Amino acid sequence: MLETLNLETAQPVPTLTVSGLPWYVLRQIARERDQSSARQGPRLGPYIVVSRHMGAGGDEMAELLGGQFGWPVLDKQLVDLMAERFHVDHDVVEMLDENKSSTLYEALGHFVNHRLISQQTYVCYLRRIVASVVAAGPAVFVGRGVQFFLPRRHGLAVRVVADERDRIDRISRRYGLSKTEAKRIMIETHDRWSAFVRCYFHKDLDDPANYDLVVNTSRLGVEAAAELVVATFRSRHIDAPG
């Protein structure tokens, strides 16, 4: 090991070498490596996004995937995180969740109640929370168009669909509704989710080209569909953080 002089302290400091390379060459290599890492961006995820038809079993599938990989599942938890981190009333965030903005709400929000936030602010908060989660490690996300603003190379976007009859039956059983009421809510929810994605991400929620995999739980069942998602994820060789 050689020594060189620190001009500020006039004290000798070690000059490390590796394979005969002088310290200033190693420093330049390290600098270039850091710059390359900065250009590539931070390591994210990996993640899986479960986009779903209401009543198709997407929520249940997300839980199965989280259990299979040992990852947290974030659905309504995203609302909790946004309310806590940005000090916004939980009911306000929940009202905006996966909704296209209301003209009346946007017009009156800032004047009627200082706790209200705009839909654009909600989307901004959503992006920031999701980015924080995937920067910390793997996760499963449910809905909210998350796949449209996360780097796709770090994860898998899945669309979960089912036949209308099965979806109505599942909604009716889950919420104790008549088939007529269940169908009405199913249609209204789909229209609301689609409008949200179209407005803020300029995407068609039902376009299969926006997903890596589309699974039909009426044909496969929720568990078999989840197994297919696991196999697809593993076949993609998506790196874990590290």
C-alpha atoms as a PDB file:
ATOM      1  CA  MET A   1       0.000   0.000   0.000  1.00  0.00           C
ATOM      2  CA  LEU A   2       1.314   3.430  -0.963  1.00  0.00           C
ATOM      3  CA  GLU A   3       0.653   6.731   0.728  1.00  0.00           C
ATOM      4  CA  THR A   4      -0.138  10.113  -0.753  1.00  0.00           C
ATOM      5  CA  LEU A   5      -0.343  13.527   0.876  1.00  0.00           C
ATOM      6  CA  ASN A   6      -3.613  15.133   1.886  1.00  0.00           C
ATOM      7  CA  LEU A   7      -3.017  18.772   0.942  1.00  0.00           C
ATOM      8  CA  GLU A   8      -5.563  20.082   3.445  1.00  0.00           C
ATOM      9  CA  THR A   9      -4.160  18.339   6.516  1.00  0.00           C
ATOM     10  CA  ALA A  10      -0.617  17.739   5.302  1.00  0.00           C
ATOM     11  CA  GLN A  11      -1.044  14.204   6.624  1.00  0.00           C
ATOM     12  CA  PRO A  12      -0.295  11.071   4.634  1.00  0.00           C
ATOM     13  CA  VAL A  13      -3.403   9.057   3.677  1.00  0.00           C
ATOM     14  CA  PRO A  14      -3.456   5.481   2.414  1.00  0.00           C
ATOM     15  CA  THR A  15      -3.528   4.962  -1.339  1.00  0.00           C
ATOM     16  CA  LEU A  16      -5.377   1.720  -1.943  1.00  0.00           C
ATOM     17  CA  THR A  17      -4.756  -0.347  -5.029  1.00  0.00           C
ATOM     18  CA  VAL A  18      -6.660  -3.270  -6.458  1.00  0.00           C
ATOM     19  CA  SER A  19      -5.029  -5.529  -9.023  1.00  0.00           C
ATOM     20  CA  GLY A  20      -2.284  -2.948  -9.407  1.00  0.00           C
ATOM     21  CA  LEU A  21      -4.662  -0.037 -10.220  1.00  0.00           C
ATOM     22  CA  PRO A  22      -3.834   3.272  -8.515  1.00  0.00           C
ATOM     23  CA  TRP A  23      -6.364   4.936  -6.241  1.00  0.00           C
ATOM     24  CA  TYR A  24      -7.285   7.720  -8.687  1.00  0.00           C
ATOM     25  CA  VAL A  25      -8.240   5.155 -11.357  1.00  0.00           C
ATOM     26  CA  LEU A  26     -10.419   3.282  -8.899  1.00  0.00           C
ATOM     27  CA  ARG A  27     -12.080   6.545  -7.882  1.00  0.00           C
ATOM     28  CA  GLN A  28     -12.895   7.323 -11.497  1.00  0.00           C
ATOM     29  CA  ILE A  29     -14.340   3.827 -12.009  1.00  0.00           C
ATOM     30  CA  ALA A  30     -16.508   4.243  -8.916  1.00  0.00           C
ATOM     31  CA  ARG A  31     -17.681   7.675 -10.115  1.00  0.00           C
ATOM     32  CA  GLU A  32     -18.670   6.295 -13.506  1.00  0.00           C
ATOM     33  CA  ARG A  33     -20.489   3.395 -11.852  1.00  0.00           C
ATOM     34  CA  ASP A  34     -22.457   5.787  -9.632  1.00  0.00           C
ATOM     35  CA  GLN A  35     -23.339   7.953 -12.618  1.00  0.00           C
ATOM     36  CA  SER A  36     -24.519   4.899 -14.543  1.00  0.00           C
ATOM     37  CA  SER A  37     -26.696   3.819 -11.598  1.00  0.00           C
ATOM     38  CA  ALA A  38     -28.167   7.312 -11.392  1.00  0.00           C
ATOM     39  CA  ARG A  39     -29.066   7.233 -15.097  1.00  0.00           C
ATOM     40  CA  GLN A  40     -30.754   3.862 -14.711  1.00  0.00           C
ATOM     41  CA  GLY A  41     -32.694   5.079 -11.680  1.00  0.00           C
ATOM     42  CA  PRO A  42     -33.216   3.390  -8.322  1.00  0.00           C
ATOM     43  CA  ARG A  43     -34.020  -0.275  -8.000  1.00  0.00           C
ATOM     44  CA  LEU A  44     -37.769  -0.694  -7.608  1.00  0.00           C
ATOM     45  CA  GLY A  45     -40.040  -3.451  -6.488  1.00  0.00           C
ATOM     46  CA  PRO A  46     -40.622  -5.942  -7.867  1.00  0.00           C
ATOM     47  CA  TYR A  47     -44.384  -5.525  -7.902  1.00  0.00           C
ATOM     48  CA  ILE A  48     -47.609  -6.998  -9.247  1.00  0.00           C
ATOM     49  CA  VAL A  49     -50.627  -4.851 -10.116  1.00  0.00           C
ATOM     50  CA  VAL A  50     -54.038  -6.536 -10.090  1.00  0.00           C
ATOM     51  CA  SER A  51     -56.526  -4.580 -12.188  1.00  0.00           C
ATOM     52  CA  ARG A  52     -59.978  -6.105 -11.937  1.00  0.00           C
ATOM     53  CA  HIS A  53     -63.568  -6.150 -13.011  1.00  0.00           C
ATOM     54  CA  MET A  54     -65.710  -5.611  -9.943  1.00  0.00           C
ATOM     55  CA  GLY A  55     -66.872  -9.029  -8.804  1.00  0.00           C
ATOM     56  CA  ALA A  56     -64.207 -10.963 -10.728  1.00  0.00           C
ATOM     57  CA  GLY A  57     -62.313 -11.981  -7.597  1.00  0.00           C
ATOM     58  CA  GLY A  58     -59.350  -9.662  -8.104  1.00  0.00           C
ATOM     59  CA  ASP A  59     -59.205  -8.673  -4.426  1.00  0.00           C
ATOM     60  CA  GLU A  60     -59.083 -12.322  -3.386  1.00  0.00           C
ATOM     61  CA  MET A  61     -56.413 -13.057  -5.987  1.00  0.00           C
ATOM     62  CA  ALA A  62     -54.270 -10.183  -4.720  1.00  0.00           C
ATOM     63  CA  GLU A  63     -54.353 -11.664  -1.225  1.00  0.00           C
ATOM     64  CA  LEU A  64     -53.340 -15.070  -2.589  1.00  0.00           C
ATOM     65  CA  LEU A  65     -50.428 -13.505  -4.473  1.00  0.00           C
ATOM     66  CA  GLY A  66     -49.319 -11.588  -1.404  1.00  0.00           C
ATOM     67  CA  GLY A  67     -49.386 -14.782   0.625  1.00  0.00           C
ATOM     68  CA  GLN A  68     -47.502 -16.723  -2.031  1.00  0.00           C
ATOM     69  CA  PHE A  69     -44.654 -14.217  -2.246  1.00  0.00           C
ATOM     70  CA  GLY A  70     -44.783 -12.883   1.300  1.00  0.00           C
ATOM     71  CA  TRP A  71     -45.444  -9.347   0.005  1.00  0.00           C
ATOM     72  CA  PRO A  72     -47.760  -6.667   1.412  1.00  0.00           C
ATOM     73  CA  VAL A  73     -51.040  -6.168  -0.443  1.00  0.00           C
ATOM     74  CA  LEU A  74     -52.141  -2.569  -0.890  1.00  0.00           C
ATOM     75  CA  ASP A  75     -55.725  -1.801  -1.791  1.00  0.00           C
ATOM     76  CA  LYS A  76     -57.630   0.449   0.600  1.00  0.00           C
ATOM     77  CA  GLN A  77     -54.368   0.602   2.554  1.00  0.00           C
ATOM     78  CA  LEU A  78     -53.233   3.156  -0.031  1.00  0.00           C
ATOM     79  CA  VAL A  79     -56.029   5.441   1.147  1.00  0.00           C
ATOM     80  CA  ASP A  80     -54.855   5.023   4.747  1.00  0.00           C
ATOM     81  CA  LEU A  81     -51.258   5.816   3.783  1.00  0.00           C
ATOM     82  CA  MET A  82     -52.218   8.934   1.820  1.00  0.00           C
ATOM     83  CA  ALA A  83     -54.382  10.273   4.624  1.00  0.00           C
ATOM     84  CA  GLU A  84     -51.675   9.678   7.208  1.00  0.00           C
ATOM     85  CA  ARG A  85     -48.660  10.904   5.245  1.00  0.00           C
ATOM     86  CA  PHE A  86     -50.230  14.021   3.742  1.00  0.00           C
ATOM     87  CA  HIS A  87     -52.471  14.872   6.741  1.00  0.00           C
ATOM     88  CA  VAL A  88     -55.684  14.712   4.752  1.00  0.00           C
ATOM     89  CA  ASP A  89     -59.051  13.670   6.115  1.00  0.00           C
ATOM     90  CA  HIS A  90     -59.486   9.933   5.469  1.00  0.00           C
ATOM     91  CA  ASP A  91     -63.082  10.348   4.273  1.00  0.00           C
ATOM     92  CA  VAL A  92     -61.969  12.963   1.742  1.00  0.00           C
ATOM     93  CA  VAL A  93     -59.338  10.661   0.232  1.00  0.00           C
ATOM     94  CA  GLU A  94     -61.813   7.778   0.175  1.00  0.00           C
ATOM     95  CA  MET A  95     -64.343   9.927  -1.669  1.00  0.00           C
ATOM     96  CA  LEU A  96     -61.770  10.667  -4.374  1.00  0.00           C
ATOM     97  CA  ASP A  97     -60.416   7.118  -4.548  1.00  0.00           C
ATOM     98  CA  GLU A  98     -60.593   5.759  -8.131  1.00  0.00           C
ATOM     99  CA  ASN A  99     -63.062   8.489  -9.056  1.00  0.00           C
ATOM    100  CA  LYS A 100     -63.031  10.927 -11.925  1.00  0.00           C
ATOM    101  CA  SER A 101     -63.285  14.454 -10.561  1.00  0.00           C
ATOM    102  CA  SER A 102     -66.664  15.924  -9.758  1.00  0.00           C
ATOM    103  CA  THR A 103     -67.224  19.367 -11.304  1.00  0.00           C
ATOM    104  CA  LEU A 104     -69.137  20.549  -8.248  1.00  0.00           C
ATOM    105  CA  TYR A 105     -66.521  19.143  -5.901  1.00  0.00           C
ATOM    106  CA  GLU A 106     -63.674  20.810  -7.801  1.00  0.00           C
ATOM    107  CA  ALA A 107     -65.523  24.124  -7.919  1.00  0.00           C
ATOM    108  CA  LEU A 108     -66.481  24.266  -4.266  1.00  0.00           C
ATOM    109  CA  GLY A 109     -63.864  22.133  -2.555  1.00  0.00           C
ATOM    110  CA  HIS A 110     -61.337  24.799  -1.636  1.00  0.00           C
ATOM    111  CA  PHE A 111     -64.028  27.290  -0.622  1.00  0.00           C
ATOM    112  CA  VAL A 112     -66.441  25.148   1.375  1.00  0.00           C
ATOM    113  CA  ASN A 113     -63.992  23.059   3.406  1.00  0.00           C
ATOM    114  CA  HIS A 114     -60.268  23.581   3.755  1.00  0.00           C
ATOM    115  CA  ARG A 115     -59.805  19.853   4.306  1.00  0.00           C
ATOM    116  CA  LEU A 116     -60.868  19.043   0.759  1.00  0.00           C
ATOM    117  CA  ILE A 117     -58.280  18.426  -1.944  1.00  0.00           C
ATOM    118  CA  SER A 118     -58.604  18.314  -5.704  1.00  0.00           C
ATOM    119  CA  GLN A 119     -58.681  15.122  -7.722  1.00  0.00           C
ATOM    120  CA  GLN A 120     -55.374  16.119  -9.304  1.00  0.00           C
ATOM    121  CA  THR A 121     -53.843  16.374  -5.838  1.00  0.00           C
ATOM    122  CA  TYR A 122     -55.196  12.936  -4.985  1.00  0.00           C
ATOM    123  CA  VAL A 123     -53.513  11.474  -8.101  1.00  0.00           C
ATOM    124  CA  CYS A 124     -50.254  13.226  -7.186  1.00  0.00           C
ATOM    125  CA  TYR A 125     -50.417  11.787  -3.664  1.00  0.00           C
ATOM    126  CA  LEU A 126     -51.194   8.349  -5.091  1.00  0.00           C
ATOM    127  CA  ARG A 127     -48.119   8.439  -7.320  1.00  0.00           C
ATOM    128  CA  ARG A 128     -45.883   9.524  -4.450  1.00  0.00           C
ATOM    129  CA  ILE A 129     -47.151   6.869  -2.051  1.00  0.00           C
ATOM    130  CA  VAL A 130     -46.833   4.088  -4.624  1.00  0.00           C
ATOM    131  CA  ALA A 131     -43.314   5.245  -5.532  1.00  0.00           C
ATOM    132  CA  SER A 132     -42.329   5.150  -1.851  1.00  0.00           C
ATOM    133  CA  VAL A 133     -43.719   1.643  -1.458  1.00  0.00           C
ATOM    134  CA  VAL A 134     -41.929   0.128  -4.457  1.00  0.00           C
ATOM    135  CA  ALA A 135     -38.702   1.894  -3.537  1.00  0.00           C
ATOM    136  CA  ALA A 136     -38.867   0.122  -0.178  1.00  0.00           C
ATOM    137  CA  GLY A 137     -39.478  -3.358  -1.604  1.00  0.00           C
ATOM    138  CA  PRO A 138     -41.913  -5.774  -3.272  1.00  0.00           C
ATOM    139  CA  ALA A 139     -45.669  -5.252  -3.148  1.00  0.00           C
ATOM    140  CA  VAL A 140     -48.992  -6.237  -4.686  1.00  0.00           C
ATOM    141  CA  PHE A 141     -51.225  -3.315  -5.699  1.00  0.00           C
ATOM    142  CA  VAL A 142     -54.946  -3.489  -6.408  1.00  0.00           C
ATOM    143  CA  GLY A 143     -56.383  -1.188  -9.073  1.00  0.00           C
ATOM    144  CA  ARG A 144     -56.069   2.634  -9.249  1.00  0.00           C
ATOM    145  CA  GLY A 145     -54.164   2.548 -12.561  1.00  0.00           C
ATOM    146  CA  VAL A 146     -50.886   1.926 -10.766  1.00  0.00           C
ATOM    147  CA  GLN A 147     -49.514  -0.019 -13.742  1.00  0.00           C
ATOM    148  CA  PHE A 148     -49.740   3.101 -15.892  1.00  0.00           C
ATOM    149  CA  PHE A 149     -47.108   5.055 -13.969  1.00  0.00           C
ATOM    150  CA  LEU A 150     -44.747   2.384 -12.622  1.00  0.00           C
ATOM    151  CA  PRO A 151     -41.843   1.131 -14.799  1.00  0.00           C
ATOM    152  CA  ARG A 152     -43.166  -2.066 -16.355  1.00  0.00           C
ATOM    153  CA  ARG A 153     -39.781  -3.777 -16.420  1.00  0.00           C
ATOM    154  CA  HIS A 154     -39.908  -3.986 -12.632  1.00  0.00           C
ATOM    155  CA  GLY A 155     -43.269  -5.717 -12.369  1.00  0.00           C
ATOM    156  CA  LEU A 156     -46.276  -7.504 -13.803  1.00  0.00           C
ATOM    157  CA  ALA A 157     -49.629  -5.968 -14.740  1.00  0.00           C
ATOM    158  CA  VAL A 158     -52.562  -8.390 -14.557  1.00  0.00           C
ATOM    159  CA  ARG A 159     -56.181  -7.881 -15.595  1.00  0.00           C
ATOM    160  CA  VAL A 160     -58.756 -10.066 -13.832  1.00  0.00           C
ATOM    161  CA  VAL A 161     -62.065 -10.536 -15.659  1.00  0.00           C
ATOM    162  CA  ALA A 162     -65.102 -12.797 -15.323  1.00  0.00           C
ATOM    163  CA  ASP A 163     -68.456 -13.444 -16.952  1.00  0.00           C
ATOM    164  CA  GLU A 164     -71.166 -10.943 -16.041  1.00  0.00           C
ATOM    165  CA  ARG A 165     -73.364 -13.553 -14.356  1.00  0.00           C
ATOM    166  CA  ASP A 166     -70.546 -14.693 -12.079  1.00  0.00           C
ATOM    167  CA  ARG A 167     -69.637 -11.123 -11.210  1.00  0.00           C
ATOM    168  CA  ILE A 168     -73.215 -10.266 -10.301  1.00  0.00           C
ATOM    169  CA  ASP A 169     -73.503 -13.405  -8.161  1.00  0.00           C
ATOM    170  CA  ARG A 170     -70.280 -12.613  -6.291  1.00  0.00           C
ATOM    171  CA  ILE A 171     -71.289  -8.980  -5.625  1.00  0.00           C
ATOM    172  CA  SER A 172     -74.779 -10.059  -4.539  1.00  0.00           C
ATOM    173  CA  ARG A 173     -73.390 -12.586  -2.041  1.00  0.00           C
ATOM    174  CA  ARG A 174     -70.658 -10.325  -0.727  1.00  0.00           C
ATOM    175  CA  TYR A 175     -72.840  -7.300  -0.042  1.00  0.00           C
ATOM    176  CA  GLY A 176     -76.217  -8.964   0.513  1.00  0.00           C
ATOM    177  CA  LEU A 177     -77.809  -7.275  -2.502  1.00  0.00           C
ATOM    178  CA  SER A 178     -80.447  -8.318  -4.985  1.00  0.00           C
ATOM    179  CA  LYS A 179     -79.197  -9.349  -8.407  1.00  0.00           C
ATOM    180  CA  THR A 180     -80.706  -6.190  -9.906  1.00  0.00           C
ATOM    181  CA  GLU A 181     -78.963  -3.917  -7.406  1.00  0.00           C
ATOM    182  CA  ALA A 182     -75.706  -5.845  -7.728  1.00  0.00           C
ATOM    183  CA  LYS A 183     -75.756  -5.384 -11.523  1.00  0.00           C
ATOM    184  CA  ARG A 184     -76.441  -1.661 -11.177  1.00  0.00           C
ATOM    185  CA  ILE A 185     -73.513  -1.179  -8.784  1.00  0.00           C
ATOM    186  CA  MET A 186     -71.251  -3.325 -10.987  1.00  0.00           C
ATOM    187  CA  ILE A 187     -71.954  -1.166 -14.046  1.00  0.00           C
ATOM    188  CA  GLU A 188     -71.637   2.125 -12.156  1.00  0.00           C
ATOM    189  CA  THR A 189     -68.341   1.062 -10.569  1.00  0.00           C
ATOM    190  CA  HIS A 190     -66.882  -0.059 -13.889  1.00  0.00           C
ATOM    191  CA  ASP A 191     -67.854   3.256 -15.486  1.00  0.00           C
ATOM    192  CA  ARG A 192     -66.318   5.178 -12.572  1.00  0.00           C
ATOM    193  CA  TRP A 193     -63.030   3.241 -12.623  1.00  0.00           C
ATOM    194  CA  SER A 194     -62.800   3.497 -16.419  1.00  0.00           C
ATOM    195  CA  ALA A 195     -63.407   7.249 -16.358  1.00  0.00           C
ATOM    196  CA  PHE A 196     -60.722   7.698 -13.685  1.00  0.00           C
ATOM    197  CA  VAL A 197     -58.095   5.859 -15.743  1.00  0.00           C
ATOM    198  CA  ARG A 198     -59.107   7.559 -18.980  1.00  0.00           C
ATOM    199  CA  CYS A 199     -59.034  11.015 -17.412  1.00  0.00           C
ATOM    200  CA  TYR A 200     -55.759  10.819 -15.479  1.00  0.00           C
ATOM    201  CA  PHE A 201     -53.707   8.236 -17.362  1.00  0.00           C
ATOM    202  CA  HIS A 202     -55.246   8.514 -20.862  1.00  0.00           C
ATOM    203  CA  LYS A 203     -55.640   4.752 -21.089  1.00  0.00           C
ATOM    204  CA  ASP A 204     -58.466   2.312 -21.787  1.00  0.00           C
ATOM    205  CA  LEU A 205     -58.938   0.193 -18.675  1.00  0.00           C
ATOM    206  CA  ASP A 206     -60.332  -2.716 -20.711  1.00  0.00           C
ATOM    207  CA  ASP A 207     -57.681  -2.782 -23.435  1.00  0.00           C
ATOM    208  CA  PRO A 208     -55.806  -6.112 -23.025  1.00  0.00           C
ATOM    209  CA  ALA A 209     -52.719  -4.547 -24.614  1.00  0.00           C
ATOM    210  CA  ASN A 210     -52.257  -2.567 -21.388  1.00  0.00           C
ATOM    211  CA  TYR A 211     -51.523  -5.749 -19.423  1.00  0.00           C
ATOM    212  CA  ASP A 212     -48.943  -8.495 -19.351  1.00  0.00           C
ATOM    213  CA  LEU A 213     -51.579 -11.110 -18.567  1.00  0.00           C
ATOM    214  CA  VAL A 214     -55.392 -11.293 -18.626  1.00  0.00           C
ATOM    215  CA  VAL A 215     -57.063 -14.074 -16.607  1.00  0.00           C
ATOM    216  CA  ASN A 216     -60.735 -15.102 -16.595  1.00  0.00           C
ATOM    217  CA  THR A 217     -61.791 -16.450 -13.198  1.00  0.00           C
ATOM    218  CA  SER A 218     -65.035 -17.810 -14.654  1.00  0.00           C
ATOM    219  CA  ARG A 219     -62.905 -20.246 -16.660  1.00  0.00           C
ATOM    220  CA  LEU A 220     -60.028 -20.874 -14.261  1.00  0.00           C
ATOM    221  CA  GLY A 221     -61.288 -20.079 -10.791  1.00  0.00           C
ATOM    222  CA  VAL A 222     -59.494 -17.585  -8.558  1.00  0.00           C
ATOM    223  CA  GLU A 223     -56.887 -19.989  -7.155  1.00  0.00           C
ATOM    224  CA  ALA A 224     -55.854 -21.453 -10.524  1.00  0.00           C
ATOM    225  CA  ALA A 225     -55.726 -17.963 -12.013  1.00  0.00           C
ATOM    226  CA  ALA A 226     -53.460 -16.856  -9.158  1.00  0.00           C
ATOM    227  CA  GLU A 227     -51.167 -19.823  -9.816  1.00  0.00           C
ATOM    228  CA  LEU A 228     -50.940 -18.756 -13.465  1.00  0.00           C
ATOM    229  CA  VAL A 229     -49.959 -15.243 -12.385  1.00  0.00           C
ATOM    230  CA  VAL A 230     -47.236 -16.647 -10.114  1.00  0.00           C
ATOM    231  CA  ALA A 231     -45.851 -18.809 -12.925  1.00  0.00           C
ATOM    232  CA  THR A 232     -45.916 -15.872 -15.355  1.00  0.00           C
ATOM    233  CA  PHE A 233     -44.143 -13.598 -12.897  1.00  0.00           C
ATOM    234  CA  ARG A 234     -41.403 -16.149 -12.304  1.00  0.00           C
ATOM    235  CA  SER A 235     -40.976 -16.759 -16.023  1.00  0.00           C
ATOM    236  CA  ARG A 236     -40.343 -13.036 -16.532  1.00  0.00           C
ATOM    237  CA  HIS A 237     -37.195 -13.255 -14.357  1.00  0.00           C
ATOM    238  CA  ILE A 238     -37.992  -9.948 -12.687  1.00  0.00           C
ATOM    239  CA  ASP A 239     -35.221  -9.187 -10.232  1.00  0.00           C
ATOM    240  CA  ALA A 240     -35.868  -8.786  -6.546  1.00  0.00           C
ATOM    241  CA  PRO A 241     -34.409  -5.651  -4.950  1.00  0.00           C
ATOM    242  CA  GLY A 242     -30.840  -5.792  -3.781  1.00  0.00           C
END
